[in-house]
Amino acid sequence: MPEVTAKLVKALRDRTGAGMMECKRALLETGGDEERAVEWLRQKGLARAASLAARTAEEGLVDCYIHAGGRIGAMVEVACETDFVAKTDDFRELVHDVAMHVAAASPRYLRREEVPPEVVEAERRVQLARVREEGRPEHVAERIVAGRMDKFFAEVCLEEQPFVKDPSKTVRERVQETSARLGEKVEIRRFARFQVGER
C-alpha cells in the first residue's frame, strides 16, 4: 500500500474541498488510490447530508449571475442554518455556482414534485405513444416510459440536472456535498431566470 503523504492529502483536499482529516482517512481506507478516495468522500458526504435534511434552514443568501453580454441573467436563493455558514467562501461559491447553472441550463422547476400534474401527464402520454410507435412489447412499455420520464425530470428540474461545472454529479449532489462539508442543512429555495426577448 502506498504511503499516505501530506502531498497526497493536500491534492485530495484541493480536488474535493473536504477537511484534511477526512482526506487522510479516505486515502487510508482506499489504499492511497485518489480516484477511489474521491468516491469514498462523495459517498460519506451524501450520507451525512441526508442526515441533515430534517433540520431547519432559515439563513442563507440571494445571488445573481449575468451572462452573455447582459442578455441572460439568473437569481437564486439558497438557505442554510446559520449566518456564520452563509458568510463562508464555500457557501458563497455554491450559491454563485447555482445561479450560473440556472443561467446556463434553463431549468423550469426546482424539483419534480413541483412539476404541475397536467405537465407530467402530457409528457407521459407523449412517451407512451412513442413507445407504442416504436413497436415495443406492452409488458415493457411502462418500464421504458418510467425511464424516459426520469430523463424528462432531469432536463426540466434544477435539482436533477447534471451540474454544469461537473456533469458527473447533479445539482442536488453538489448541494449535498457542500451541506456535508459545512455540517448544516443547505437547500435551494427558489430561482428565476431571465432572457432578453423571452416571456
Protein backbone atom coordinates (compact mmCIF):
# COMPACT_ATOMS: atom_id res chain seq x y z
CA MET A 1 0.00 0.00 0.00
CA PRO A 2 1.42 3.42 -0.94
CA GLU A 3 2.28 5.75 1.91
CA VAL A 4 -0.35 8.44 2.54
CA THR A 5 1.82 11.54 2.31
CA ALA A 6 0.90 15.14 3.15
CA LYS A 7 1.22 15.89 -0.58
CA LEU A 8 -1.39 13.23 -1.42
CA VAL A 9 -3.72 14.54 1.30
CA LYS A 10 -3.33 18.12 0.06
CA ALA A 11 -4.02 17.09 -3.55
CA LEU A 12 -7.21 15.32 -2.48
CA ARG A 13 -8.26 18.29 -0.35
CA ASP A 14 -7.67 20.71 -3.25
CA ARG A 15 -9.72 18.48 -5.51
CA THR A 16 -12.68 17.84 -3.17
CA GLY A 17 -12.75 20.66 -0.62
CA ALA A 18 -13.05 18.08 2.19
CA GLY A 19 -11.20 18.53 5.50
CA MET A 20 -7.60 17.36 5.92
CA MET A 21 -8.50 14.57 8.36
CA GLU A 22 -11.35 13.37 6.12
CA CYS A 23 -8.98 13.28 3.13
CA LYS A 24 -6.36 11.34 5.09
CA ARG A 25 -8.95 8.83 6.27
CA ALA A 26 -10.33 8.44 2.72
CA LEU A 27 -6.83 7.71 1.39
CA LEU A 28 -6.14 5.22 4.19
CA GLU A 29 -9.49 3.49 3.56
CA THR A 30 -8.81 3.21 -0.18
CA GLY A 31 -5.13 2.22 -0.10
CA GLY A 32 -3.91 5.60 -1.34
CA ASP A 33 -5.99 5.44 -4.56
CA GLU A 34 -7.02 9.05 -5.25
CA GLU A 35 -9.95 8.21 -7.55
CA ARG A 36 -11.42 5.74 -5.05
CA ALA A 37 -10.80 8.24 -2.25
CA VAL A 38 -12.83 10.89 -4.14
CA GLU A 39 -15.69 8.39 -4.49
CA TRP A 40 -15.40 7.41 -0.80
CA LEU A 41 -15.64 11.08 0.24
CA ARG A 42 -18.63 11.66 -2.03
CA GLN A 43 -20.47 8.67 -0.55
CA LYS A 44 -19.75 9.77 3.02
CA GLY A 45 -20.71 13.35 2.20
CA LEU A 46 -24.04 12.41 0.67
CA ALA A 47 -24.87 10.16 3.65
CA ARG A 48 -24.03 12.97 6.08
CA ALA A 49 -26.06 15.50 4.07
CA ALA A 50 -29.07 13.17 4.16
CA SER A 51 -28.94 13.14 7.98
CA LEU A 52 -29.04 16.97 7.97
CA ALA A 53 -32.10 17.14 5.71
CA ALA A 54 -34.67 17.22 8.56
CA ARG A 55 -33.15 20.33 10.13
CA THR A 56 -34.43 23.87 9.52
CA ALA A 57 -32.60 26.31 7.25
CA GLU A 58 -33.63 29.91 7.96
CA GLU A 59 -30.49 31.81 6.93
CA GLY A 60 -28.79 31.99 3.53
CA LEU A 61 -28.01 34.19 0.56
CA VAL A 62 -29.50 35.55 -2.64
CA ASP A 63 -27.11 35.88 -5.56
CA CYS A 64 -27.36 36.58 -9.26
CA TYR A 65 -25.38 35.77 -12.37
CA ILE A 66 -25.44 37.79 -15.58
CA HIS A 67 -24.18 36.11 -18.75
CA ALA A 68 -23.73 36.69 -22.49
CA GLY A 69 -23.41 40.45 -22.61
CA GLY A 70 -26.33 41.04 -20.28
CA ARG A 71 -28.84 39.06 -22.35
CA ILE A 72 -29.29 36.21 -19.81
CA GLY A 73 -29.50 36.51 -16.04
CA ALA A 74 -30.43 34.32 -13.09
CA MET A 75 -31.20 34.91 -9.44
CA VAL A 76 -31.26 32.23 -6.72
CA GLU A 77 -31.96 31.93 -3.01
CA VAL A 78 -30.02 29.21 -1.18
CA ALA A 79 -30.75 28.60 2.51
CA CYS A 80 -28.57 27.34 5.36
CA GLU A 81 -29.00 27.14 9.13
CA THR A 82 -26.70 29.91 10.41
CA ASP A 83 -25.48 33.35 9.41
CA PHE A 84 -21.94 32.11 10.10
CA VAL A 85 -22.16 29.48 7.33
CA ALA A 86 -23.88 31.94 4.97
CA LYS A 87 -20.72 34.10 5.15
CA THR A 88 -18.26 31.29 4.31
CA ASP A 89 -16.49 31.21 0.95
CA ASP A 90 -17.68 27.62 0.41
CA PHE A 91 -21.36 28.59 0.76
CA ARG A 92 -20.99 31.77 -1.32
CA GLU A 93 -19.30 29.77 -4.09
CA LEU A 94 -22.16 27.25 -4.09
CA VAL A 95 -24.81 29.99 -4.35
CA HIS A 96 -22.97 31.66 -7.23
CA ASP A 97 -22.45 28.32 -8.98
CA VAL A 98 -26.17 27.55 -8.72
CA ALA A 99 -27.04 30.97 -10.19
CA MET A 100 -24.59 30.35 -13.05
CA HIS A 101 -26.09 26.88 -13.60
CA VAL A 102 -29.63 28.33 -13.80
CA ALA A 103 -28.48 30.86 -16.40
CA ALA A 104 -26.78 28.14 -18.47
CA ALA A 105 -29.20 25.21 -18.15
CA SER A 106 -32.66 26.88 -18.15
CA PRO A 107 -34.44 24.71 -15.57
CA ARG A 108 -38.22 25.19 -15.44
CA TYR A 109 -38.87 23.78 -11.95
CA LEU A 110 -36.88 23.32 -8.74
CA ARG A 111 -37.77 19.65 -8.11
CA ARG A 112 -40.03 17.03 -9.69
CA GLU A 113 -42.71 17.42 -7.00
CA GLU A 114 -43.26 20.98 -8.29
CA VAL A 115 -43.96 19.98 -11.90
CA PRO A 116 -47.73 20.51 -12.45
CA PRO A 117 -49.63 17.19 -12.75
CA GLU A 118 -51.02 18.19 -16.16
CA VAL A 119 -47.46 18.72 -17.50
CA VAL A 120 -46.37 15.31 -16.15
CA GLU A 121 -49.45 13.61 -17.62
CA ALA A 122 -48.98 15.25 -21.04
CA GLU A 123 -45.31 14.14 -21.15
CA ARG A 124 -46.33 10.62 -20.06
CA ARG A 125 -48.85 10.39 -22.91
CA VAL A 126 -46.22 11.55 -25.43
CA GLN A 127 -43.69 8.97 -24.19
CA LEU A 128 -46.26 6.15 -24.15
CA ALA A 129 -47.29 6.99 -27.73
CA ARG A 130 -43.61 6.97 -28.77
CA VAL A 131 -43.03 3.58 -27.16
CA ARG A 132 -46.07 2.10 -28.94
CA GLU A 133 -45.00 3.68 -32.23
CA GLU A 134 -41.60 2.02 -31.82
CA GLY A 135 -43.40 -1.34 -31.59
CA ARG A 136 -42.15 -2.18 -28.09
CA PRO A 137 -43.95 -5.02 -26.29
CA GLU A 138 -46.75 -3.81 -23.98
CA HIS A 139 -45.29 -5.62 -20.94
CA VAL A 140 -42.11 -3.45 -21.05
CA ALA A 141 -43.77 -0.21 -22.14
CA GLU A 142 -44.32 1.05 -18.58
CA ARG A 143 -40.67 0.49 -17.63
CA ILE A 144 -39.48 2.32 -20.75
CA VAL A 145 -41.87 5.21 -20.11
CA ALA A 146 -40.70 5.44 -16.46
CA GLY A 147 -37.08 5.67 -17.64
CA ARG A 148 -37.94 8.38 -20.16
CA MET A 149 -39.88 10.30 -17.52
CA ASP A 150 -36.76 10.26 -15.32
CA LYS A 151 -34.85 11.79 -18.25
CA PHE A 152 -37.58 14.41 -18.67
CA PHE A 153 -37.32 15.40 -14.98
CA ALA A 154 -33.51 15.57 -15.31
CA GLU A 155 -33.97 18.07 -18.16
CA VAL A 156 -36.54 20.38 -16.55
CA CYS A 157 -35.86 20.16 -12.77
CA LEU A 158 -32.94 22.16 -11.38
CA GLU A 159 -32.03 19.66 -8.63
CA GLU A 160 -31.86 16.73 -11.08
CA GLN A 161 -29.92 18.43 -13.89
CA PRO A 162 -26.26 17.48 -14.40
CA PHE A 163 -24.27 20.29 -12.74
CA VAL A 164 -22.72 22.49 -15.46
CA LYS A 165 -19.29 22.73 -13.80
CA ASP A 166 -19.12 18.95 -13.19
CA PRO A 167 -21.71 16.90 -15.14
CA SER A 168 -20.70 13.72 -13.28
CA LYS A 169 -22.95 14.92 -10.44
CA THR A 170 -26.39 16.51 -10.24
CA VAL A 171 -27.10 19.94 -8.79
CA ARG A 172 -28.68 18.18 -5.79
CA GLU A 173 -25.46 16.19 -5.21
CA ARG A 174 -23.40 19.40 -5.46
CA VAL A 175 -25.62 20.99 -2.78
CA GLN A 176 -25.46 17.86 -0.59
CA GLU A 177 -21.65 17.78 -0.75
CA THR A 178 -21.49 21.40 0.45
CA SER A 179 -24.05 20.63 3.16
CA ALA A 180 -21.93 17.71 4.40
CA ARG A 181 -18.73 19.77 4.37
CA LEU A 182 -20.33 22.65 6.28
CA GLY A 183 -22.23 20.42 8.70
CA GLU A 184 -25.52 22.25 8.12
CA LYS A 185 -28.66 21.77 6.11
CA VAL A 186 -28.30 23.59 2.79
CA GLU A 187 -31.12 23.83 0.26
CA ILE A 188 -32.08 25.77 -2.84
CA ARG A 189 -35.25 27.70 -2.03
CA ARG A 190 -36.15 29.33 -5.34
CA PHE A 191 -34.76 30.70 -8.58
CA ALA A 192 -35.66 32.88 -11.53
CA ARG A 193 -34.13 33.12 -15.00
CA PHE A 194 -34.45 35.98 -17.44
CA GLN A 195 -33.53 36.18 -21.11
CA VAL A 196 -33.95 39.21 -23.31
CA GLY A 197 -36.86 38.67 -25.69
CA GLU A 198 -38.37 35.75 -23.72
CA ARG A 199 -41.70 35.94 -21.87
